[in-house]
C-alpha atoms as a PDB file:
ATOM      1  CA  MET A   1       0.000   0.000   0.000  1.00  0.00           C
ATOM      2  CA  GLU A   2       1.352   3.425  -0.877  1.00  0.00           C
ATOM      3  CA  ARG A   3       1.571   6.198   1.715  1.00  0.00           C
ATOM      4  CA  TYR A   4       0.658   9.820   1.067  1.00  0.00           C
ATOM      5  CA  THR A   5       3.818  11.950   0.972  1.00  0.00           C
ATOM      6  CA  GLY A   6       2.237  15.359   0.494  1.00  0.00           C
ATOM      7  CA  ASN A   7       3.671  15.755  -3.027  1.00  0.00           C
ATOM      8  CA  GLU A   8       1.181  13.536  -4.841  1.00  0.00           C
ATOM      9  CA  PHE A   9      -2.372  14.282  -5.951  1.00  0.00           C
ATOM     10  CA  TYR A  10      -5.212  11.768  -6.097  1.00  0.00           C
ATOM     11  CA  ILE A  11      -8.245  12.057  -8.339  1.00  0.00           C
ATOM     12  CA  ILE A  12     -11.557  10.352  -7.610  1.00  0.00           C
ATOM     13  CA  SER A  13     -13.842   9.569 -10.539  1.00  0.00           C
ATOM     14  CA  ILE A  14     -17.292  11.205 -10.286  1.00  0.00           C
ATOM     15  CA  HIS A  15     -18.950   8.451 -12.367  1.00  0.00           C
ATOM     16  CA  ASN A  16     -18.270   5.574  -9.994  1.00  0.00           C
ATOM     17  CA  GLN A  17     -16.648   4.953  -6.628  1.00  0.00           C
ATOM     18  CA  ALA A  18     -13.311   3.836  -8.102  1.00  0.00           C
ATOM     19  CA  SER A  19     -10.227   5.927  -7.616  1.00  0.00           C
ATOM     20  CA  GLY A  20      -8.119   7.448 -10.364  1.00  0.00           C
ATOM     21  CA  ARG A  21      -6.039   5.101 -12.495  1.00  0.00           C
ATOM     22  CA  HIS A  22      -2.295   5.248 -12.932  1.00  0.00           C
ATOM     23  CA  SER A  23      -1.392   7.108 -16.100  1.00  0.00           C
ATOM     24  CA  GLU A  24       1.521   8.848 -17.753  1.00  0.00           C
ATOM     25  CA  ARG A  25       0.450  12.023 -15.939  1.00  0.00           C
ATOM     26  CA  GLY A  26       1.383  10.640 -12.534  1.00  0.00           C
ATOM     27  CA  LEU A  27      -2.024   9.534 -11.227  1.00  0.00           C
ATOM     28  CA  ARG A  28      -1.819   6.680  -8.758  1.00  0.00           C
ATOM     29  CA  ASN A  29      -4.396   4.008  -8.091  1.00  0.00           C
ATOM     30  CA  ILE A  30      -5.688   4.017  -4.528  1.00  0.00           C
ATOM     31  CA  ASP A  31      -9.003   2.739  -3.313  1.00  0.00           C
ATOM     32  CA  ASN A  32     -11.775   4.994  -2.006  1.00  0.00           C
ATOM     33  CA  LYS A  33     -11.266   3.855   1.598  1.00  0.00           C
ATOM     34  CA  ASP A  34      -7.622   5.023   1.556  1.00  0.00           C
ATOM     35  CA  PHE A  35      -8.671   8.426   0.199  1.00  0.00           C
ATOM     36  CA  LYS A  36     -11.152   8.896   3.053  1.00  0.00           C
ATOM     37  CA  ASN A  37      -8.427   7.983   5.572  1.00  0.00           C
ATOM     38  CA  LEU A  38      -6.065  10.536   4.062  1.00  0.00           C
ATOM     39  CA  ARG A  39      -8.750  13.228   4.242  1.00  0.00           C
ATOM     40  CA  SER A  40      -9.517  12.497   7.929  1.00  0.00           C
ATOM     41  CA  GLU A  41      -5.779  12.476   8.791  1.00  0.00           C
ATOM     42  CA  TYR A  42      -5.431  15.891   7.118  1.00  0.00           C
ATOM     43  CA  ARG A  43      -8.391  17.299   9.101  1.00  0.00           C
ATOM     44  CA  LYS A  44      -6.959  15.918  12.348  1.00  0.00           C
ATOM     45  CA  GLN A  45      -3.570  17.566  11.689  1.00  0.00           C
ATOM     46  CA  ASN A  46      -5.144  20.962  10.973  1.00  0.00           C
ATOM     47  CA  THR A  47      -7.534  20.995  13.926  1.00  0.00           C
ATOM     48  CA  GLU A  48      -5.255  19.802  16.694  1.00  0.00           C
ATOM     49  CA  CYS A  49      -3.789  22.435  18.975  1.00  0.00           C
ATOM     50  CA  ARG A  50      -0.118  23.188  18.787  1.00  0.00           C
ATOM     51  CA  LEU A  51       0.872  24.954  21.976  1.00  0.00           C
ATOM     52  CA  GLN A  52       4.278  26.552  22.359  1.00  0.00           C
ATOM     53  CA  LEU A  53       4.239  25.840  26.096  1.00  0.00           C
ATOM     54  CA  ASP A  54       2.177  23.293  28.007  1.00  0.00           C
ATOM     55  CA  GLU A  55       3.686  22.348  31.349  1.00  0.00           C
ATOM     56  CA  TYR A  56       3.198  22.352  35.077  1.00  0.00           C
ATOM     57  CA  ASP A  57       5.180  25.023  36.961  1.00  0.00           C
ATOM     58  CA  PRO A  58       6.336  23.418  40.246  1.00  0.00           C
ATOM     59  CA  PHE A  59       7.378  26.779  41.743  1.00  0.00           C
ATOM     60  CA  LYS A  60       4.022  28.494  41.199  1.00  0.00           C
ATOM     61  CA  LYS A  61       2.180  25.164  41.540  1.00  0.00           C
ATOM     62  CA  MET A  62       0.000  25.721  38.485  1.00  0.00           C
ATOM     63  CA  LYS A  63      -0.328  24.720  34.848  1.00  0.00           C
ATOM     64  CA  HIS A  64       1.220  27.126  32.330  1.00  0.00           C
ATOM     65  CA  GLN A  65       0.027  27.080  28.713  1.00  0.00           C
ATOM     66  CA  GLN A  66       0.917  29.379  25.844  1.00  0.00           C
ATOM     67  CA  THR A  67      -0.220  29.337  22.219  1.00  0.00           C
ATOM     68  CA  LYS A  68       2.094  29.873  19.297  1.00  0.00           C
ATOM     69  CA  GLU A  69       2.168  33.348  17.763  1.00  0.00           C
ATOM     70  CA  PHE A  70      -0.597  34.218  15.336  1.00  0.00           C
ATOM     71  CA  GLU A  71      -1.298  37.264  13.148  1.00  0.00           C
ATOM     72  CA  ILE A  72      -4.194  39.589  13.951  1.00  0.00           C
ATOM     73  CA  ILE A  73      -3.806  42.732  11.796  1.00  0.00           C
ATOM     74  CA  LYS A  74      -1.485  44.326   9.209  1.00  0.00           C
ATOM     75  CA  LYS A  75       0.148  47.744   9.331  1.00  0.00           C
ATOM     76  CA  ASP A  76      -0.826  48.704   5.768  1.00  0.00           C
ATOM     77  CA  LYS A  77      -1.955  47.214   2.466  1.00  0.00           C
ATOM     78  CA  SER A  78       1.474  46.465   0.999  1.00  0.00           C
ATOM     79  CA  HIS A  79       2.389  42.842   0.376  1.00  0.00           C
ATOM     80  CA  ASN A  80       5.322  42.853   2.828  1.00  0.00           C
ATOM     81  CA  SER A  81       3.527  44.870   5.487  1.00  0.00           C
ATOM     82  CA  PHE A  82       4.466  44.341   9.132  1.00  0.00           C
ATOM     83  CA  THR A  83       1.791  42.398  11.031  1.00  0.00           C
ATOM     84  CA  LEU A  84       0.830  42.612  14.674  1.00  0.00           C
ATOM     85  CA  ARG A  85       1.240  39.177  16.184  1.00  0.00           C
ATOM     86  CA  ALA A  86      -0.138  37.871  19.452  1.00  0.00           C
ATOM     87  CA  ARG A  87      -0.252  34.802  21.660  1.00  0.00           C
ATOM     88  CA  ILE A  88      -2.611  33.763  24.442  1.00  0.00           C
ATOM     89  CA  VAL A  89      -1.180  32.712  27.797  1.00  0.00           C
ATOM     90  CA  LYS A  90      -2.992  30.832  30.547  1.00  0.00           C
ATOM     91  CA  MET A  91      -1.370  30.405  33.947  1.00  0.00           C
ATOM     92  CA  GLY A  92      -3.600  28.709  36.482  1.00  0.00           C
ATOM     93  CA  ASN A  93      -6.909  30.609  36.371  1.00  0.00           C
ATOM     94  CA  ALA A  94      -5.362  33.806  34.963  1.00  0.00           C
ATOM     95  CA  THR A  95      -5.411  34.504  31.224  1.00  0.00           C
ATOM     96  CA  TYR A  96      -3.305  37.037  29.323  1.00  0.00           C
ATOM     97  CA  MET A  97      -2.889  38.233  25.763  1.00  0.00           C
ATOM     98  CA  SER A  98       0.667  38.997  24.747  1.00  0.00           C
ATOM     99  CA  PHE A  99       1.324  41.215  21.706  1.00  0.00           C
ATOM    100  CA  LEU A 100       4.670  41.279  19.939  1.00  0.00           C
ATOM    101  CA  ALA A 101       5.380  45.003  20.120  1.00  0.00           C
ATOM    102  CA  SER A 102       8.623  45.239  18.174  1.00  0.00           C
ATOM    103  CA  SER A 103       7.022  48.118  16.246  1.00  0.00           C
ATOM    104  CA  VAL A 104       7.821  50.488  19.155  1.00  0.00           C
ATOM    105  CA  GLU A 105      11.226  51.127  20.717  1.00  0.00           C
ATOM    106  CA  CYS A 106      10.535  50.573  24.429  1.00  0.00           C
ATOM    107  CA  ILE A 107       7.617  49.713  26.691  1.00  0.00           C
ATOM    108  CA  ASN A 108       6.879  50.517  30.334  1.00  0.00           C
ATOM    109  CA  ASN A 109       3.972  50.231  32.776  1.00  0.00           C
ATOM    110  CA  THR A 110       1.961  52.833  30.801  1.00  0.00           C
ATOM    111  CA  SER A 111       2.301  50.968  27.487  1.00  0.00           C
ATOM    112  CA  SER A 112      -0.788  49.397  25.983  1.00  0.00           C
ATOM    113  CA  VAL A 113      -2.393  47.818  22.942  1.00  0.00           C
ATOM    114  CA  GLU A 114      -5.791  49.085  21.795  1.00  0.00           C
ATOM    115  CA  LEU A 115      -7.914  46.927  19.512  1.00  0.00           C
ATOM    116  CA  LEU A 116     -10.833  48.466  17.615  1.00  0.00           C
ATOM    117  CA  LEU A 117     -13.473  45.845  16.786  1.00  0.00           C
ATOM    118  CA  GLU A 118     -15.996  45.883  13.941  1.00  0.00           C
ATOM    119  CA  ASN A 119     -18.799  46.694  16.437  1.00  0.00           C
ATOM    120  CA  ASP A 120     -16.943  49.960  17.372  1.00  0.00           C
ATOM    121  CA  LYS A 121     -15.922  48.532  20.757  1.00  0.00           C
ATOM    122  CA  THR A 122     -12.327  49.268  21.828  1.00  0.00           C
ATOM    123  CA  LEU A 123     -10.454  46.731  23.950  1.00  0.00           C
ATOM    124  CA  LYS A 124      -7.433  48.054  25.796  1.00  0.00           C
ATOM    125  CA  PHE A 125      -4.644  45.839  27.157  1.00  0.00           C
ATOM    126  CA  TYR A 126      -2.305  47.587  29.633  1.00  0.00           C
ATOM    127  CA  HIS A 127       1.201  46.188  29.998  1.00  0.00           C
ATOM    128  CA  LYS A 128       1.537  44.447  33.360  1.00  0.00           C
ATOM    129  CA  TYR A 129       5.282  43.737  33.550  1.00  0.00           C
ATOM    130  CA  ASP A 130       8.560  45.669  33.641  1.00  0.00           C
ATOM    131  CA  VAL A 131      10.239  48.097  31.260  1.00  0.00           C
ATOM    132  CA  ASP A 132      11.598  46.412  28.149  1.00  0.00           C
ATOM    133  CA  CYS A 133      13.457  47.693  25.080  1.00  0.00           C
ATOM    134  CA  GLY A 134      14.709  46.068  21.914  1.00  0.00           C
ATOM    135  CA  SER A 135      13.355  44.092  18.994  1.00  0.00           C
ATOM    136  CA  ASN A 136      11.767  41.194  20.894  1.00  0.00           C
ATOM    137  CA  ILE A 137       9.448  42.964  23.331  1.00  0.00           C
ATOM    138  CA  CYS A 138       5.903  41.961  24.267  1.00  0.00           C
ATOM    139  CA  ILE A 139       3.057  43.945  25.756  1.00  0.00           C
ATOM    140  CA  THR A 140       1.165  41.535  28.006  1.00  0.00           C
ATOM    141  CA  GLY A 141      -2.246  42.445  29.411  1.00  0.00           C
ATOM    142  CA  ASN A 142      -5.070  40.709  31.254  1.00  0.00           C
ATOM    143  CA  LEU A 143      -7.629  38.881  29.129  1.00  0.00           C
ATOM    144  CA  SER A 144     -10.989  38.964  30.939  1.00  0.00           C
ATOM    145  CA  THR A 145     -14.012  36.823  30.058  1.00  0.00           C
ATOM    146  CA  THR A 146     -15.715  39.938  28.655  1.00  0.00           C
ATOM    147  CA  LYS A 147     -12.767  40.606  26.319  1.00  0.00           C
ATOM    148  CA  ILE A 148     -12.728  36.934  25.302  1.00  0.00           C
ATOM    149  CA  GLN A 149     -16.413  37.128  24.272  1.00  0.00           C
ATOM    150  CA  TYR A 150     -15.808  40.281  22.219  1.00  0.00           C
ATOM    151  CA  LEU A 151     -12.783  38.725  20.497  1.00  0.00           C
ATOM    152  CA  LYS A 152     -14.697  35.521  19.724  1.00  0.00           C
ATOM    153  CA  ASN A 153     -17.550  37.377  18.036  1.00  0.00           C
ATOM    154  CA  HIS A 154     -16.056  40.469  16.376  1.00  0.00           C
ATOM    155  CA  ARG A 155     -13.247  41.011  13.915  1.00  0.00           C
ATOM    156  CA  ILE A 156     -10.375  43.399  14.678  1.00  0.00           C
ATOM    157  CA  ILE A 157     -10.393  46.326  12.213  1.00  0.00           C
ATOM    158  CA  ALA A 158      -7.608  48.496  13.693  1.00  0.00           C
ATOM    159  CA  ALA A 159      -4.969  48.397  16.417  1.00  0.00           C
ATOM    160  CA  LYS A 160      -2.659  50.847  18.119  1.00  0.00           C
ATOM    161  CA  VAL A 161       0.500  49.835  20.002  1.00  0.00           C
ATOM    162  CA  ASN A 162       1.526  52.495  22.539  1.00  0.00           C
ATOM    163  CA  GLY A 163       5.139  52.263  23.658  1.00  0.00           C
ATOM    164  CA  ALA A 164       7.083  54.394  26.150  1.00  0.00           C
ATOM    165  CA  LYS A 165       7.652  57.243  23.621  1.00  0.00           C
ATOM    166  CA  TYR A 166       6.323  56.027  20.275  1.00  0.00           C
ATOM    167  CA  TYR A 167       3.199  54.381  18.936  1.00  0.00           C
ATOM    168  CA  ALA A 168       2.344  52.331  15.857  1.00  0.00           C
ATOM    169  CA  ASN A 169      -0.995  52.067  14.055  1.00  0.00           C
ATOM    170  CA  PHE A 170      -2.204  48.899  12.325  1.00  0.00           C
ATOM    171  CA  LEU A 171      -5.046  49.761   9.963  1.00  0.00           C
ATOM    172  CA  THR A 172      -5.483  46.853   7.533  1.00  0.00           C
ATOM    173  CA  PRO A 173      -7.755  44.047   8.821  1.00  0.00           C
ATOM    174  CA  MET A 174      -6.949  40.425   8.005  1.00  0.00           C
ATOM    175  CA  GLU A 175      -9.644  37.927   7.019  1.00  0.00           C
ATOM    176  CA  SER A 176      -7.980  35.186   9.070  1.00  0.00           C
ATOM    177  CA  SER A 177      -7.771  37.120  12.349  1.00  0.00           C
ATOM    178  CA  LEU A 178     -11.141  36.026  13.763  1.00  0.00           C
ATOM    179  CA  TYR A 179     -10.375  32.382  12.932  1.00  0.00           C
ATOM    180  CA  ASN A 180      -6.848  32.673  14.400  1.00  0.00           C
ATOM    181  CA  ILE A 181      -8.133  34.093  17.670  1.00  0.00           C
ATOM    182  CA  ASN A 182     -10.996  31.604  17.993  1.00  0.00           C
ATOM    183  CA  SER A 183      -8.842  28.559  17.253  1.00  0.00           C
ATOM    184  CA  ASN A 184      -6.237  29.639  19.829  1.00  0.00           C
ATOM    185  CA  LEU A 185      -8.916  30.332  22.458  1.00  0.00           C
ATOM    186  CA  LYS A 186     -10.314  26.834  21.824  1.00  0.00           C
ATOM    187  CA  CYS A 187      -6.839  25.358  22.299  1.00  0.00           C
ATOM    188  CA  LEU A 188      -6.817  26.765  25.839  1.00  0.00           C
ATOM    189  CA  LYS A 189     -10.487  25.803  26.375  1.00  0.00           C
ATOM    190  CA  LEU A 190     -11.585  29.440  26.794  1.00  0.00           C
END
């Protein structure tokens, strides 16, 4: 039996239940049952959660989970536009949203990220940790159940990252942002 390598394509005939036949064009003969198995394996791979961090912290005596980074909005309409990326962090019963704020020089305790939603609601995340400067900084703010409900149901249409001295606007919505947020919230069972 042949295995699917990701580089091959299979064609199913619409006239009967038989699979495509091997030809000079590279079609391979597999039965219908194998095709269904491949399709379900593909769905399973794309729906399973891939957390960046999922461990028990023995010092704080709580479970610590963190999603991988995902994109939520673009700076402008150009093809290579900088995107605002985020991750969701759950530590015990507390939940945070962490934004990669490399678009501003430094952050402090007055730094924040403002998200404007399609229903004209603005969600504001105030940075809760120390001063940080450089290219790998994150603004991390509390993610309440109210904010979670807004993010689950409304698309982000604009964002503003407020640093210590500078700010950056993100004004081009992304079609995938609502899906990205919802799938990462589901990963953490929120």
